[in-house]
C-alpha atoms as a PDB file:
ATOM      1  CA  LEU A   1      -2.796 -12.019   5.546  1.00  0.00           C
ATOM      2  CA  LEU A   2      -1.014 -11.294   2.460  1.00  0.00           C
ATOM      3  CA  ALA A   3       2.457  -9.820   2.023  1.00  0.00           C
ATOM      4  CA  PHE A   4       3.117  -8.279  -1.206  1.00  0.00           C
ATOM      5  CA  ASP A   5       6.575  -7.097  -2.318  1.00  0.00           C
ATOM      6  CA  ILE A   6       8.360  -6.570  -5.704  1.00  0.00           C
ATOM      7  CA  SER A   7      11.647  -7.672  -4.176  1.00  0.00           C
ATOM      8  CA  GLY A   8      12.319 -11.471  -4.029  1.00  0.00           C
ATOM      9  CA  SER A   9      15.145 -10.834  -1.414  1.00  0.00           C
ATOM     10  CA  MET A  10      12.717  -9.010   0.802  1.00  0.00           C
ATOM     11  CA  LEU A  11      10.309 -11.820   0.656  1.00  0.00           C
ATOM     12  CA  LYS A  12      12.955 -14.472   1.282  1.00  0.00           C
ATOM     13  CA  ILE A  13      13.907 -12.491   4.496  1.00  0.00           C
ATOM     14  CA  ALA A  14      10.169 -12.543   5.554  1.00  0.00           C
ATOM     15  CA  ASN A  15       9.800 -16.217   4.711  1.00  0.00           C
ATOM     16  CA  ASP A  16      12.968 -17.072   6.869  1.00  0.00           C
ATOM     17  CA  PHE A  17      11.533 -15.089   9.640  1.00  0.00           C
ATOM     18  CA  LEU A  18       8.092 -16.684   9.333  1.00  0.00           C
ATOM     19  CA  SER A  19       9.406 -20.250   9.325  1.00  0.00           C
ATOM     20  CA  THR A  20      10.603 -19.742  12.997  1.00  0.00           C
ATOM     21  CA  LYS A  21       7.026 -18.969  13.959  1.00  0.00           C
ATOM     22  CA  ALA A  22       4.748 -21.825  15.101  1.00  0.00           C
ATOM     23  CA  SER A  23       1.432 -20.614  13.568  1.00  0.00           C
ATOM     24  CA  CYS A  24       1.525 -18.041  11.017  1.00  0.00           C
ATOM     25  CA  ASN A  25      -1.035 -17.887   8.289  1.00  0.00           C
ATOM     26  CA  ILE A  26       0.822 -15.285   5.913  1.00  0.00           C
ATOM     27  CA  LEU A  27       0.756 -15.666   2.068  1.00  0.00           C
ATOM     28  CA  LEU A  28       3.911 -14.083   0.432  1.00  0.00           C
ATOM     29  CA  TYR A  29       3.464 -12.829  -3.025  1.00  0.00           C
ATOM     30  CA  GLN A  30       6.019 -11.273  -5.278  1.00  0.00           C
ATOM     31  CA  GLY A  31       4.823  -8.733  -7.855  1.00  0.00           C
ATOM     32  CA  ASP A  32       4.611  -5.270  -9.166  1.00  0.00           C
ATOM     33  CA  CYS A  33       1.901  -3.360  -7.227  1.00  0.00           C
ATOM     34  CA  THR A  34       0.986  -1.207 -10.330  1.00  0.00           C
ATOM     35  CA  GLN A  35      -0.164  -4.375 -12.179  1.00  0.00           C
ATOM     36  CA  LEU A  36      -3.356  -6.467 -11.476  1.00  0.00           C
ATOM     37  CA  PHE A  37      -3.307  -8.049  -8.042  1.00  0.00           C
ATOM     38  CA  PRO A  38      -3.750 -11.816  -8.026  1.00  0.00           C
ATOM     39  CA  LEU A  39      -6.971 -11.329  -5.944  1.00  0.00           C
ATOM     40  CA  ARG A  40     -10.703 -11.537  -6.614  1.00  0.00           C
ATOM     41  CA  SER A  41     -12.693  -8.335  -6.305  1.00  0.00           C
ATOM     42  CA  ASN A  42     -14.094  -7.408  -3.006  1.00  0.00           C
ATOM     43  CA  SER A  43     -11.929  -9.994  -1.246  1.00  0.00           C
ATOM     44  CA  LEU A  44      -9.881  -7.909   1.298  1.00  0.00           C
ATOM     45  CA  GLU A  45     -11.063  -6.744   4.637  1.00  0.00           C
ATOM     46  CA  GLY A  46      -8.401  -4.027   4.773  1.00  0.00           C
ATOM     47  CA  ILE A  47      -5.109  -2.839   3.461  1.00  0.00           C
ATOM     48  CA  LEU A  48      -2.115  -1.567   5.388  1.00  0.00           C
ATOM     49  CA  SER A  49       0.684  -0.337   2.981  1.00  0.00           C
ATOM     50  CA  ILE A  50       3.956   0.761   4.457  1.00  0.00           C
ATOM     51  CA  SER A  51       6.383   2.988   2.305  1.00  0.00           C
ATOM     52  CA  VAL A  52       4.910   1.539  -1.080  1.00  0.00           C
ATOM     53  CA  ILE A  53       3.454   4.416  -2.769  1.00  0.00           C
ATOM     54  CA  GLN A  54       6.253   6.808  -2.331  1.00  0.00           C
ATOM     55  CA  TRP A  55       8.038   4.677  -4.973  1.00  0.00           C
ATOM     56  CA  LEU A  56       5.496   5.256  -7.507  1.00  0.00           C
ATOM     57  CA  SER A  57       6.512   8.274  -9.657  1.00  0.00           C
ATOM     58  CA  GLU A  58       4.030   8.411 -12.427  1.00  0.00           C
ATOM     59  CA  ASP A  59       0.467   9.495 -12.190  1.00  0.00           C
ATOM     60  CA  SER A  60      -0.481   6.190 -14.112  1.00  0.00           C
ATOM     61  CA  GLN A  61       1.251   4.079 -11.687  1.00  0.00           C
ATOM     62  CA  ILE A  62      -0.151   5.777  -8.615  1.00  0.00           C
ATOM     63  CA  GLU A  63      -3.751   5.471 -10.301  1.00  0.00           C
ATOM     64  CA  SER A  64      -3.262   1.904 -11.164  1.00  0.00           C
ATOM     65  CA  PHE A  65      -2.268   1.152  -7.617  1.00  0.00           C
ATOM     66  CA  PHE A  66      -5.227   2.839  -5.913  1.00  0.00           C
ATOM     67  CA  LYS A  67      -7.665   1.332  -8.565  1.00  0.00           C
ATOM     68  CA  GLU A  68      -6.369  -2.135  -7.666  1.00  0.00           C
ATOM     69  CA  CYS A  69      -6.561  -1.523  -3.979  1.00  0.00           C
ATOM     70  CA  TYR A  70     -10.023  -0.215  -4.295  1.00  0.00           C
ATOM     71  CA  ARG A  71     -11.273  -3.160  -6.513  1.00  0.00           C
ATOM     72  CA  CYS A  72      -9.914  -5.762  -4.078  1.00  0.00           C
ATOM     73  CA  LEU A  73     -11.402  -4.208  -0.885  1.00  0.00           C
ATOM     74  CA  GLN A  74     -14.840  -5.123   0.586  1.00  0.00           C
ATOM     75  CA  MET A  75     -17.457  -2.538   0.813  1.00  0.00           C
ATOM     76  CA  ASN A  76     -16.773  -0.160   3.823  1.00  0.00           C
ATOM     77  CA  SER A  77     -13.303  -1.385   4.318  1.00  0.00           C
ATOM     78  CA  THR A  78     -10.418   0.581   5.538  1.00  0.00           C
ATOM     79  CA  ALA A  79      -7.055   1.216   3.706  1.00  0.00           C
ATOM     80  CA  VAL A  80      -4.001   2.905   5.340  1.00  0.00           C
ATOM     81  CA  PHE A  81      -1.308   4.103   3.252  1.00  0.00           C
ATOM     82  CA  GLN A  82       1.954   5.216   5.079  1.00  0.00           C
ATOM     83  CA  PHE A  83       4.464   7.047   2.878  1.00  0.00           C
ATOM     84  CA  TYR A  84       7.102   9.715   3.081  1.00  0.00           C
ATOM     85  CA  PRO A  85       6.131  12.430   0.586  1.00  0.00           C
ATOM     86  CA  ASN A  86       8.902  14.576  -0.981  1.00  0.00           C
ATOM     87  CA  SER A  87       6.770  17.763  -0.480  1.00  0.00           C
ATOM     88  CA  PRO A  88       3.271  18.859   0.439  1.00  0.00           C
ATOM     89  CA  GLU A  89       2.463  18.734  -3.335  1.00  0.00           C
ATOM     90  CA  HIS A  90       3.649  15.213  -3.479  1.00  0.00           C
ATOM     91  CA  ALA A  91       1.356  14.382  -0.638  1.00  0.00           C
ATOM     92  CA  ASP A  92      -1.533  16.225  -2.280  1.00  0.00           C
ATOM     93  CA  GLN A  93      -0.877  14.140  -5.417  1.00  0.00           C
ATOM     94  CA  PHE A  94      -1.663  11.065  -3.640  1.00  0.00           C
ATOM     95  CA  VAL A  95      -4.713  12.160  -2.016  1.00  0.00           C
ATOM     96  CA  THR A  96      -6.197  13.588  -5.218  1.00  0.00           C
ATOM     97  CA  VAL A  97      -5.492  10.258  -7.193  1.00  0.00           C
ATOM     98  CA  ALA A  98      -6.987   8.039  -4.335  1.00  0.00           C
ATOM     99  CA  ASN A  99     -10.110  10.290  -4.296  1.00  0.00           C
ATOM    100  CA  THR A 100     -10.546   9.981  -8.130  1.00  0.00           C
ATOM    101  CA  THR A 101     -10.252   6.279  -7.915  1.00  0.00           C
ATOM    102  CA  GLY A 102     -13.081   5.832  -5.312  1.00  0.00           C
ATOM    103  CA  PHE A 103     -11.391   6.277  -1.889  1.00  0.00           C
ATOM    104  CA  HIS A 104     -12.531   8.934   0.558  1.00  0.00           C
ATOM    105  CA  SER A 105      -9.105  10.041   1.495  1.00  0.00           C
ATOM    106  CA  TYR A 106      -7.682  11.952   4.607  1.00  0.00           C
ATOM    107  CA  LEU A 107      -4.133  12.971   4.895  1.00  0.00           C
ATOM    108  CA  ILE A 108      -2.588  12.750   8.425  1.00  0.00           C
ATOM    109  CA  MET A 109       0.879  14.194   8.446  1.00  0.00           C
ATOM    110  CA  ASP A 110       3.561  13.544  11.069  1.00  0.00           C
ATOM    111  CA  MET A 111       7.033  15.086  10.560  1.00  0.00           C
ATOM    112  CA  PRO A 112       9.157  13.843  13.342  1.00  0.00           C
ATOM    113  CA  HIS A 113      12.267  15.172  11.751  1.00  0.00           C
ATOM    114  CA  LYS A 114      10.795  18.873  11.980  1.00  0.00           C
ATOM    115  CA  THR A 115      10.993  20.938  15.207  1.00  0.00           C
ATOM    116  CA  PRO A 116       7.454  22.123  16.340  1.00  0.00           C
ATOM    117  CA  GLN A 117       7.025  25.767  15.993  1.00  0.00           C
END
C-alpha cells in the first residue's frame, strides 16, 4: 500500500500512527500528484484517492494527475476518486478529463448536505 501526500506534516501524522501498529506494510511518499509518480508503469492493482482532485484547479494539472494514475494502473484495474466538486460543471470537468486520458469514468454523486426533494 502506498500513501501519497504533498504535505510532510500529514505524512508525519500517518507515520506516527502507523508506528503503533504491529504489522503495517505501507509506504509513505511525499510529492506533488501533478508530477511523475515514482512508480513503474502498470504497477498498481488499484487506486483510492480521497479528496485529492478537488485541489487541482487547472486543466493541465487535472490531466497530468489522471494520466499518471492511468499509466501506473495495471490493465483492468479500478480507480476510485472521491472529491467535493464546487458545482455540477466542476464535476463534469473531472469526468471529461478522466475520459480523455483513458479512463472509462462514471460519476456517482452523494450530496448529504442537501435535503432530498
